[in-house]
Amino acid sequence: MCGRYTLLADELEILQAFEIDHPIDGYYPSYNIAPGQNVLAIIHDGKEKRAGYLRWGLVPSWANDEKIGYKMINARSETAHEKPSFKRLMSRKRCLIIADSFYEWKREGKEKQPKRIQLTDRKLFAFAGLWDKWSNGDNDLFTCTVLTKEANPFMQEIHHRMPIILPKSKEDNWIIPNKWDALEAHQFLQTVDEEELSAYNVAPYVNAAKNNDETCIAPLA
C-alpha cells in the first residue's frame, strides 16, 4: 500500500520537472503527507497540464457520504479497471500524484520499523493516481487515490504492496484524457518499467501524521 510520503522540492523544481506553465496555487512542501490531507497532483484538462491540490482519499461522484474516502486511499491496479469505484476513472480521470519519497513499515517481530524509500536515479517522481469530483449541494470536493501493485523483489523485503511509480517517459501518456478505455489503461500499467529503489530506517516519530519536520526523514542512527 501507500499510506505516507514526502514532497520536499521547491515549486520551481516541480514546474520544471513536469513542464507546468502556471504557478501552483498555495504550494507547500511536506515531510509527512497523510491520507485526508490535500496532495499535489497533475491532471490534463484536454488542452494543457495543470497542477493543483486534491484531497487524498477517493470519494466517488456517486457516493452518499464523503467519509468513504478514508477507506479509498489506494486502489489495486490489478482490478481497478473492473471495480465500480474506479472503472470510469481509469478511462477518464487519471492523474499524477507528485512525491520525492514514500514511507513503508517493515514488520520486525512485534514491532514495525518505518523506512523512507526513494528512487536512486532521480529525485522527483509521480505515482499513478485516479481522481474524481464529488458534490453535495454547493460543496464540490476533488479527491484522489494512489494505484498500487504487488511488491517487486526489493519491496517484498519490506511490504507485499507498493505504489506504482511512473517512468518519466510515461507520465504524460497516463494523464492524457480519453485516450484509453479502462482495460487499455490497466494494460498500460502492466507495461510500466520499474526503477531502482533505495531505503533507510527512520524513527517512529514519522508514525504520527501531526509530526511534519526534518526529523521525519532523519536516518536512524
Protein backbone atom coordinates (compact mmCIF):
# COMPACT_ATOMS: atom_id res chain seq x y z
CA MET A 1 0.00 0.00 0.00
CA CYS A 2 0.98 3.64 0.10
CA GLY A 3 -0.02 5.47 3.26
CA ARG A 4 2.57 8.24 3.76
CA TYR A 5 5.03 10.09 1.57
CA THR A 6 7.05 13.28 1.21
CA LEU A 7 7.34 16.19 -1.20
CA LEU A 8 10.21 18.50 -0.27
CA ALA A 9 11.11 20.07 -3.63
CA ASP A 10 10.61 23.76 -4.18
CA GLU A 11 7.91 24.98 -6.55
CA LEU A 12 10.27 25.85 -9.40
CA GLU A 13 11.77 22.35 -9.38
CA ILE A 14 8.30 20.86 -9.74
CA LEU A 15 7.23 23.23 -12.51
CA GLN A 16 10.37 22.44 -14.49
CA ALA A 17 10.34 18.69 -13.88
CA PHE A 18 6.73 18.28 -15.01
CA GLU A 19 6.67 21.09 -17.61
CA ILE A 20 3.90 23.04 -15.92
CA ASP A 21 3.38 26.59 -17.26
CA HIS A 22 1.45 28.12 -14.37
CA PRO A 23 2.36 28.67 -10.70
CA ILE A 24 0.99 26.22 -8.14
CA ASP A 25 -1.57 27.98 -6.01
CA GLY A 26 -0.79 27.50 -2.32
CA TYR A 27 2.15 25.14 -2.78
CA TYR A 28 3.91 23.96 0.36
CA PRO A 29 6.45 21.15 0.96
CA SER A 30 5.74 18.37 3.47
CA TYR A 31 7.80 15.77 5.30
CA ASN A 32 4.81 13.61 6.20
CA ILE A 33 1.88 13.63 3.78
CA ALA A 34 -1.00 11.54 5.13
CA PRO A 35 -4.45 10.38 3.99
CA GLY A 36 -7.14 13.03 4.35
CA GLN A 37 -4.70 15.82 3.54
CA ASN A 38 -4.55 17.84 0.34
CA VAL A 39 -1.90 16.48 -2.00
CA LEU A 40 -0.27 17.95 -5.08
CA ALA A 41 -1.47 16.33 -8.30
CA ILE A 42 -1.29 16.99 -12.03
CA ILE A 43 -4.15 16.44 -14.45
CA HIS A 44 -4.61 17.20 -18.15
CA ASP A 45 -7.70 19.26 -18.97
CA GLY A 46 -7.64 18.40 -22.66
CA LYS A 47 -5.56 21.44 -23.55
CA GLU A 48 -2.73 21.54 -21.02
CA LYS A 49 -1.37 20.06 -17.82
CA ARG A 50 -2.46 21.70 -14.59
CA ALA A 51 -1.07 21.27 -11.09
CA GLY A 52 -3.21 21.70 -8.00
CA TYR A 53 -4.42 20.08 -4.82
CA LEU A 54 -6.73 17.09 -4.38
CA ARG A 55 -7.73 15.51 -1.08
CA TRP A 56 -6.13 12.11 -0.58
CA GLY A 57 -8.86 9.51 -0.20
CA LEU A 58 -11.17 8.97 -3.16
CA VAL A 59 -14.82 9.94 -2.85
CA PRO A 60 -16.59 8.66 -5.99
CA SER A 61 -19.07 11.03 -7.60
CA TRP A 62 -21.94 8.65 -6.72
CA ALA A 63 -21.04 8.24 -3.02
CA ASN A 64 -23.60 9.12 -0.37
CA ASP A 65 -21.04 10.17 2.21
CA GLU A 66 -17.59 11.70 1.81
CA LYS A 67 -16.30 9.59 4.70
CA ILE A 68 -15.83 6.73 2.23
CA GLY A 69 -12.64 8.49 1.18
CA TYR A 70 -10.78 7.33 4.28
CA LYS A 71 -11.17 3.74 3.04
CA MET A 72 -10.03 4.54 -0.51
CA ILE A 73 -6.55 6.00 -0.26
CA ASN A 74 -5.25 3.21 -2.52
CA ALA A 75 -6.66 1.30 -5.48
CA ARG A 76 -5.37 -2.10 -6.59
CA SER A 77 -4.18 -1.74 -10.18
CA GLU A 78 -4.89 -5.41 -10.86
CA THR A 79 -8.66 -4.88 -10.52
CA ALA A 80 -9.25 -1.12 -10.81
CA HIS A 81 -10.48 -1.47 -14.40
CA GLU A 82 -13.28 -3.77 -13.17
CA LYS A 83 -14.39 -2.14 -9.92
CA PRO A 84 -17.36 0.28 -9.98
CA SER A 85 -15.47 2.84 -7.88
CA PHE A 86 -12.56 3.04 -10.30
CA LYS A 87 -13.54 1.74 -13.76
CA ARG A 88 -14.84 5.06 -15.11
CA LEU A 89 -11.89 6.92 -13.64
CA MET A 90 -9.39 4.57 -15.28
CA SER A 91 -10.64 5.72 -18.67
CA ARG A 92 -11.31 9.39 -17.98
CA LYS A 93 -9.80 10.75 -14.75
CA ARG A 94 -6.19 9.74 -14.34
CA CYS A 95 -3.68 11.92 -12.51
CA LEU A 96 -0.09 12.17 -11.37
CA ILE A 97 0.49 12.46 -7.62
CA ILE A 98 3.83 14.15 -7.04
CA ALA A 99 6.35 12.87 -4.48
CA ASP A 100 10.05 12.52 -3.81
CA SER A 101 9.92 9.58 -1.38
CA PHE A 102 7.43 7.38 0.44
CA TYR A 103 7.34 5.61 3.77
CA GLU A 104 6.63 1.97 4.43
CA TRP A 105 6.70 -0.05 7.63
CA LYS A 106 8.58 -3.36 7.81
CA ARG A 107 7.41 -5.80 10.45
CA GLU A 108 10.26 -6.91 12.67
CA GLY A 109 8.94 -9.29 15.31
CA LYS A 110 6.20 -7.46 17.20
CA GLU A 111 7.37 -4.05 16.00
CA LYS A 112 7.13 -2.17 12.72
CA GLN A 113 10.18 -0.27 11.50
CA PRO A 114 9.41 2.77 9.34
CA LYS A 115 11.57 3.21 6.25
CA ARG A 116 11.96 6.05 3.80
CA ILE A 117 12.08 4.83 0.18
CA GLN A 118 13.45 6.83 -2.76
CA LEU A 119 14.39 6.39 -6.39
CA THR A 120 18.14 6.08 -6.78
CA ASP A 121 18.43 7.89 -10.13
CA ARG A 122 16.09 10.88 -9.78
CA LYS A 123 14.57 12.95 -7.02
CA LEU A 124 11.03 13.86 -8.08
CA PHE A 125 8.58 11.28 -9.38
CA ALA A 126 4.87 10.65 -9.81
CA PHE A 127 2.57 7.94 -8.51
CA ALA A 128 -0.12 6.80 -10.93
CA GLY A 129 -3.40 8.08 -9.50
CA LEU A 130 -7.11 8.45 -10.14
CA TRP A 131 -9.29 11.42 -9.21
CA ASP A 132 -12.97 12.33 -9.04
CA LYS A 133 -15.32 15.19 -8.21
CA TRP A 134 -17.99 14.71 -5.53
CA SER A 135 -20.75 17.25 -4.98
CA ASN A 136 -23.02 17.84 -2.00
CA GLY A 137 -25.27 20.76 -2.80
CA ASP A 138 -22.99 23.73 -3.38
CA ASN A 139 -19.96 21.90 -1.99
CA ASP A 140 -17.59 20.35 -4.55
CA LEU A 141 -14.85 18.04 -3.31
CA PHE A 142 -11.97 16.87 -5.52
CA THR A 143 -10.25 13.72 -4.29
CA CYS A 144 -7.73 11.11 -5.43
CA THR A 145 -6.31 7.66 -4.81
CA VAL A 146 -2.89 6.08 -5.43
CA LEU A 147 -2.72 2.97 -7.62
CA THR A 148 -0.74 0.09 -6.15
CA LYS A 149 0.61 -3.27 -7.29
CA GLU A 150 2.32 -6.37 -5.95
CA ALA A 151 5.72 -5.54 -4.48
CA ASN A 152 8.81 -6.02 -6.63
CA PRO A 153 11.75 -8.05 -5.23
CA PHE A 154 13.22 -5.01 -3.46
CA MET A 155 9.95 -4.04 -1.77
CA GLN A 156 8.99 -7.61 -0.86
CA GLU A 157 11.52 -7.41 1.97
CA ILE A 158 9.52 -4.51 3.40
CA HIS A 159 5.87 -4.91 2.38
CA HIS A 160 3.81 -7.01 -0.04
CA ARG A 161 2.33 -3.99 -1.88
CA MET A 162 3.84 -0.83 -3.36
CA PRO A 163 2.66 2.30 -5.19
CA ILE A 164 3.03 2.46 -8.98
CA ILE A 165 5.77 4.95 -9.84
CA LEU A 166 5.55 6.03 -13.46
CA PRO A 167 8.72 6.30 -15.56
CA LYS A 168 9.38 9.84 -16.69
CA SER A 169 8.59 8.92 -20.30
CA LYS A 170 5.16 7.52 -19.34
CA GLU A 171 3.82 10.36 -17.19
CA ASP A 172 2.16 12.38 -19.95
CA ASN A 173 0.69 9.26 -21.55
CA TRP A 174 -1.04 8.41 -18.28
CA ILE A 175 -2.90 11.70 -17.90
CA ILE A 176 -3.99 12.48 -21.47
CA PRO A 177 -7.81 12.29 -21.13
CA ASN A 178 -10.00 9.88 -23.11
CA LYS A 179 -7.01 8.16 -24.67
CA TRP A 180 -7.93 4.69 -23.41
CA ASP A 181 -10.81 2.71 -22.07
CA ALA A 182 -10.43 1.19 -18.60
CA LEU A 183 -8.93 -2.06 -19.87
CA GLU A 184 -6.38 -0.24 -22.00
CA ALA A 185 -5.35 1.88 -19.02
CA HIS A 186 -4.96 -1.31 -16.99
CA GLN A 187 -2.82 -2.86 -19.74
CA PHE A 188 -0.67 0.28 -19.90
CA LEU A 189 0.17 -0.06 -16.21
CA GLN A 190 1.32 -3.63 -16.81
CA THR A 191 3.98 -2.34 -19.22
CA VAL A 192 5.49 0.20 -16.83
CA ASP A 193 9.19 -0.40 -16.24
CA GLU A 194 10.44 -0.34 -12.67
CA GLU A 195 13.25 1.91 -11.46
CA GLU A 196 15.81 1.12 -8.78
CA LEU A 197 14.82 1.98 -5.23
CA SER A 198 16.79 2.58 -2.05
CA ALA A 199 15.61 2.64 1.56
CA TYR A 200 16.80 3.58 5.01
CA ASN A 201 15.36 3.39 8.51
CA VAL A 202 13.75 6.44 10.12
CA ALA A 203 12.46 6.97 13.64
CA PRO A 204 8.90 6.08 14.78
CA TYR A 205 8.44 9.85 15.03
CA VAL A 206 7.04 9.67 11.48
CA ASN A 207 4.21 7.40 12.66
CA ALA A 208 2.23 10.40 13.88
CA ALA A 209 0.82 12.40 10.97
CA LYS A 210 0.97 15.56 13.09
CA ASN A 211 4.78 15.36 13.01
CA ASN A 212 5.95 17.18 9.91
CA ASP A 213 9.56 18.34 10.02
CA GLU A 214 13.03 17.15 9.04
CA THR A 215 13.10 14.68 11.94
CA CYS A 216 10.74 12.51 9.84
CA ILE A 217 13.44 11.85 7.24
CA ALA A 218 16.49 11.78 9.51
CA PRO A 219 18.34 8.43 9.14
CA LEU A 220 18.05 6.30 12.24
CA ALA A 221 21.44 6.04 13.91
